[in-house]
Amino acid sequence: MPTTPDPAPDIASFSFEEALAELERIVRGLESGQQRLEDAIAAYERGAALKRHCDARLAEAESRVQAIVAGAGGALSLKDAP
């Protein structure tokens, strides 16, 4: 019976950059074709979770940026909610 690897760090605690770096590592591993099928499936599942995390972080950042608008005289303020 194969041993189960140590659980990976919790994705929710990753910054966008950390998640993206791990996702890139997973993609390189999958592209190499050197993984056993079961390991490749687990890596793919983790990659999908990392992608969702990155998407959420990007959406959050986009929302924050869109909330900032230039006011009179160049002062920055938050846009009123609709």
N, C-alpha and C. Protein backbone atom coordinates (compact mmCIF):
# COMPACT_ATOMS: atom_id res chain seq x y z
N MET A 1 0.85 -1.18 0.00
CA MET A 1 0.00 0.00 0.00
C MET A 1 0.89 1.24 0.00
N PRO A 2 0.68 2.21 -0.94
CA PRO A 2 1.52 3.40 -0.99
C PRO A 2 1.28 4.29 0.22
N THR A 3 2.34 5.01 0.59
CA THR A 3 2.20 5.93 1.71
C THR A 3 1.58 7.22 1.22
N THR A 4 0.81 7.85 2.08
CA THR A 4 0.18 9.12 1.75
C THR A 4 1.15 10.24 2.08
N PRO A 5 1.39 11.16 1.13
CA PRO A 5 2.31 12.26 1.41
C PRO A 5 1.74 13.18 2.48
N ASP A 6 2.64 13.95 3.10
CA ASP A 6 2.20 14.91 4.11
C ASP A 6 1.19 15.86 3.48
N PRO A 7 0.16 16.25 4.25
CA PRO A 7 -0.81 17.18 3.68
C PRO A 7 -0.14 18.50 3.32
N ALA A 8 -0.56 19.08 2.21
CA ALA A 8 0.00 20.35 1.75
C ALA A 8 -0.56 21.49 2.60
N PRO A 9 0.15 22.61 2.62
CA PRO A 9 -0.36 23.76 3.38
C PRO A 9 -1.75 24.16 2.91
N ASP A 10 -2.49 24.75 3.78
CA ASP A 10 -3.85 25.18 3.47
C ASP A 10 -3.82 26.29 2.42
N ILE A 11 -4.48 26.07 1.33
CA ILE A 11 -4.49 27.01 0.21
C ILE A 11 -5.06 28.36 0.62
N ALA A 12 -6.04 28.37 1.48
CA ALA A 12 -6.68 29.63 1.87
C ALA A 12 -5.70 30.62 2.49
N SER A 13 -4.61 30.12 3.06
CA SER A 13 -3.64 31.01 3.69
C SER A 13 -2.61 31.54 2.70
N PHE A 14 -2.62 31.04 1.46
CA PHE A 14 -1.64 31.45 0.47
C PHE A 14 -1.93 32.84 -0.06
N SER A 15 -0.88 33.60 -0.31
CA SER A 15 -1.03 34.84 -1.06
C SER A 15 -1.25 34.44 -2.52
N PHE A 16 -1.64 35.42 -3.32
CA PHE A 16 -1.81 35.15 -4.76
C PHE A 16 -0.51 34.62 -5.35
N GLU A 17 0.60 35.26 -4.99
CA GLU A 17 1.89 34.88 -5.55
C GLU A 17 2.30 33.46 -5.14
N GLU A 18 2.05 33.10 -3.90
CA GLU A 18 2.38 31.75 -3.43
C GLU A 18 1.55 30.70 -4.17
N ALA A 19 0.26 30.98 -4.30
CA ALA A 19 -0.63 30.04 -4.99
C ALA A 19 -0.23 29.90 -6.45
N LEU A 20 0.08 31.01 -7.10
CA LEU A 20 0.48 30.97 -8.50
C LEU A 20 1.78 30.19 -8.69
N ALA A 21 2.74 30.38 -7.77
CA ALA A 21 4.01 29.66 -7.87
C ALA A 21 3.78 28.16 -7.74
N GLU A 22 2.93 27.75 -6.80
CA GLU A 22 2.66 26.32 -6.65
C GLU A 22 1.90 25.79 -7.86
N LEU A 23 0.97 26.56 -8.37
CA LEU A 23 0.23 26.14 -9.56
C LEU A 23 1.18 25.95 -10.75
N GLU A 24 2.13 26.85 -10.92
CA GLU A 24 3.11 26.72 -12.00
C GLU A 24 3.96 25.46 -11.81
N ARG A 25 4.33 25.15 -10.58
CA ARG A 25 5.11 23.94 -10.30
C ARG A 25 4.31 22.69 -10.65
N ILE A 26 3.03 22.70 -10.30
CA ILE A 26 2.15 21.56 -10.60
C ILE A 26 2.02 21.38 -12.11
N VAL A 27 1.83 22.48 -12.84
CA VAL A 27 1.69 22.39 -14.29
C VAL A 27 2.96 21.81 -14.92
N ARG A 28 4.12 22.28 -14.45
CA ARG A 28 5.39 21.73 -14.99
C ARG A 28 5.47 20.23 -14.72
N GLY A 29 5.06 19.80 -13.53
CA GLY A 29 5.09 18.38 -13.19
C GLY A 29 4.15 17.57 -14.06
N LEU A 30 2.95 18.10 -14.30
CA LEU A 30 2.00 17.40 -15.16
C LEU A 30 2.48 17.34 -16.60
N GLU A 31 3.07 18.43 -17.07
CA GLU A 31 3.57 18.47 -18.44
C GLU A 31 4.74 17.50 -18.65
N SER A 32 5.48 17.22 -17.60
CA SER A 32 6.63 16.31 -17.74
C SER A 32 6.19 14.89 -18.04
N GLY A 33 4.97 14.53 -17.60
CA GLY A 33 4.46 13.19 -17.84
C GLY A 33 5.15 12.12 -17.02
N GLN A 34 5.88 12.50 -15.99
CA GLN A 34 6.66 11.55 -15.21
C GLN A 34 5.94 11.08 -13.95
N GLN A 35 4.72 11.55 -13.70
CA GLN A 35 3.99 11.17 -12.50
C GLN A 35 3.14 9.94 -12.74
N ARG A 36 2.94 9.19 -11.67
CA ARG A 36 1.99 8.08 -11.75
C ARG A 36 0.61 8.68 -11.93
N LEU A 37 -0.30 7.93 -12.49
CA LEU A 37 -1.65 8.42 -12.79
C LEU A 37 -2.33 8.98 -11.54
N GLU A 38 -2.27 8.25 -10.45
CA GLU A 38 -2.95 8.70 -9.21
C GLU A 38 -2.34 10.00 -8.71
N ASP A 39 -1.02 10.14 -8.80
CA ASP A 39 -0.36 11.38 -8.38
C ASP A 39 -0.73 12.53 -9.30
N ALA A 40 -0.83 12.24 -10.58
CA ALA A 40 -1.20 13.28 -11.55
C ALA A 40 -2.63 13.77 -11.30
N ILE A 41 -3.52 12.85 -10.97
CA ILE A 41 -4.91 13.24 -10.68
C ILE A 41 -4.96 14.11 -9.43
N ALA A 42 -4.22 13.72 -8.38
CA ALA A 42 -4.19 14.52 -7.15
C ALA A 42 -3.59 15.90 -7.42
N ALA A 43 -2.54 15.94 -8.24
CA ALA A 43 -1.92 17.22 -8.57
C ALA A 43 -2.89 18.09 -9.36
N TYR A 44 -3.63 17.48 -10.28
CA TYR A 44 -4.61 18.22 -11.07
C TYR A 44 -5.69 18.81 -10.16
N GLU A 45 -6.17 18.01 -9.21
CA GLU A 45 -7.19 18.49 -8.27
C GLU A 45 -6.66 19.66 -7.44
N ARG A 46 -5.43 19.55 -6.96
CA ARG A 46 -4.83 20.64 -6.19
C ARG A 46 -4.66 21.86 -7.08
N GLY A 47 -4.24 21.65 -8.31
CA GLY A 47 -4.09 22.76 -9.24
C GLY A 47 -5.41 23.48 -9.48
N ALA A 48 -6.49 22.72 -9.59
CA ALA A 48 -7.82 23.33 -9.78
C ALA A 48 -8.19 24.18 -8.57
N ALA A 49 -7.88 23.68 -7.37
CA ALA A 49 -8.17 24.45 -6.15
C ALA A 49 -7.31 25.71 -6.10
N LEU A 50 -6.06 25.60 -6.50
CA LEU A 50 -5.18 26.77 -6.53
C LEU A 50 -5.68 27.80 -7.55
N LYS A 51 -6.16 27.33 -8.70
CA LYS A 51 -6.70 28.25 -9.71
C LYS A 51 -7.90 29.00 -9.17
N ARG A 52 -8.80 28.28 -8.49
CA ARG A 52 -9.98 28.95 -7.90
C ARG A 52 -9.54 30.00 -6.88
N HIS A 53 -8.52 29.68 -6.08
CA HIS A 53 -8.01 30.62 -5.09
C HIS A 53 -7.44 31.86 -5.78
N CYS A 54 -6.64 31.65 -6.84
CA CYS A 54 -6.07 32.78 -7.59
C CYS A 54 -7.17 33.63 -8.21
N ASP A 55 -8.18 32.99 -8.79
CA ASP A 55 -9.31 33.72 -9.39
C ASP A 55 -10.01 34.58 -8.34
N ALA A 56 -10.22 34.03 -7.15
CA ALA A 56 -10.89 34.77 -6.08
C ALA A 56 -10.05 35.95 -5.63
N ARG A 57 -8.73 35.73 -5.49
CA ARG A 57 -7.84 36.83 -5.09
C ARG A 57 -7.82 37.94 -6.14
N LEU A 58 -7.80 37.56 -7.41
CA LEU A 58 -7.82 38.56 -8.48
C LEU A 58 -9.13 39.34 -8.49
N ALA A 59 -10.25 38.65 -8.31
CA ALA A 59 -11.55 39.32 -8.29
C ALA A 59 -11.61 40.31 -7.12
N GLU A 60 -11.08 39.90 -5.99
CA GLU A 60 -11.05 40.78 -4.81
C GLU A 60 -10.20 42.02 -5.10
N ALA A 61 -9.04 41.83 -5.70
CA ALA A 61 -8.17 42.96 -6.01
C ALA A 61 -8.83 43.88 -7.03
N GLU A 62 -9.47 43.30 -8.05
CA GLU A 62 -10.15 44.11 -9.06
C GLU A 62 -11.26 44.94 -8.43
N SER A 63 -12.00 44.34 -7.53
CA SER A 63 -13.08 45.05 -6.85
C SER A 63 -12.53 46.22 -6.03
N ARG A 64 -11.42 45.99 -5.37
CA ARG A 64 -10.82 47.06 -4.56
C ARG A 64 -10.32 48.19 -5.45
N VAL A 65 -9.70 47.85 -6.58
CA VAL A 65 -9.19 48.88 -7.48
C VAL A 65 -10.34 49.67 -8.09
N GLN A 66 -11.41 48.98 -8.48
CA GLN A 66 -12.55 49.67 -9.07
C GLN A 66 -13.24 50.60 -8.08
N ALA A 67 -13.09 50.32 -6.79
CA ALA A 67 -13.72 51.15 -5.78
C ALA A 67 -12.99 52.47 -5.58
N ILE A 68 -11.77 52.55 -6.10
CA ILE A 68 -10.97 53.77 -5.94
C ILE A 68 -11.19 54.66 -7.18
N VAL A 69 -11.61 55.85 -6.95
CA VAL A 69 -11.78 56.80 -8.05
C VAL A 69 -11.10 58.11 -7.69
N ALA A 70 -10.62 58.80 -8.71
CA ALA A 70 -9.96 60.08 -8.48
C ALA A 70 -11.01 61.15 -8.20
N GLY A 71 -10.84 61.87 -7.12
CA GLY A 71 -11.74 62.96 -6.77
C GLY A 71 -11.22 64.28 -7.31
N ALA A 72 -11.89 65.33 -6.96
CA ALA A 72 -11.49 66.66 -7.40
C ALA A 72 -10.10 66.97 -6.89
N GLY A 73 -9.27 67.56 -7.73
CA GLY A 73 -7.92 67.94 -7.34
C GLY A 73 -6.98 66.75 -7.20
N GLY A 74 -7.36 65.58 -7.70
CA GLY A 74 -6.48 64.42 -7.66
C GLY A 74 -6.56 63.60 -6.38
N ALA A 75 -7.42 64.03 -5.43
CA ALA A 75 -7.56 63.26 -4.20
C ALA A 75 -8.27 61.94 -4.50
N LEU A 76 -7.89 60.90 -3.82
CA LEU A 76 -8.51 59.59 -4.02
C LEU A 76 -9.62 59.39 -3.00
N SER A 77 -10.69 58.76 -3.45
CA SER A 77 -11.79 58.43 -2.54
C SER A 77 -12.39 57.12 -2.99
N LEU A 78 -13.21 56.56 -2.13
CA LEU A 78 -13.91 55.33 -2.49
C LEU A 78 -15.21 55.67 -3.21
N LYS A 79 -15.50 54.90 -4.25
CA LYS A 79 -16.73 55.11 -5.02
C LYS A 79 -17.90 54.63 -4.16
N ASP A 80 -18.99 55.37 -4.19
CA ASP A 80 -20.19 54.98 -3.46
C ASP A 80 -20.74 53.68 -4.04
N ALA A 81 -21.26 52.85 -3.16
CA ALA A 81 -21.87 51.59 -3.60
C ALA A 81 -23.16 51.90 -4.34
N PRO A 82 -23.49 51.10 -5.37
CA PRO A 82 -24.72 51.35 -6.15
C PRO A 82 -25.95 51.10 -5.33
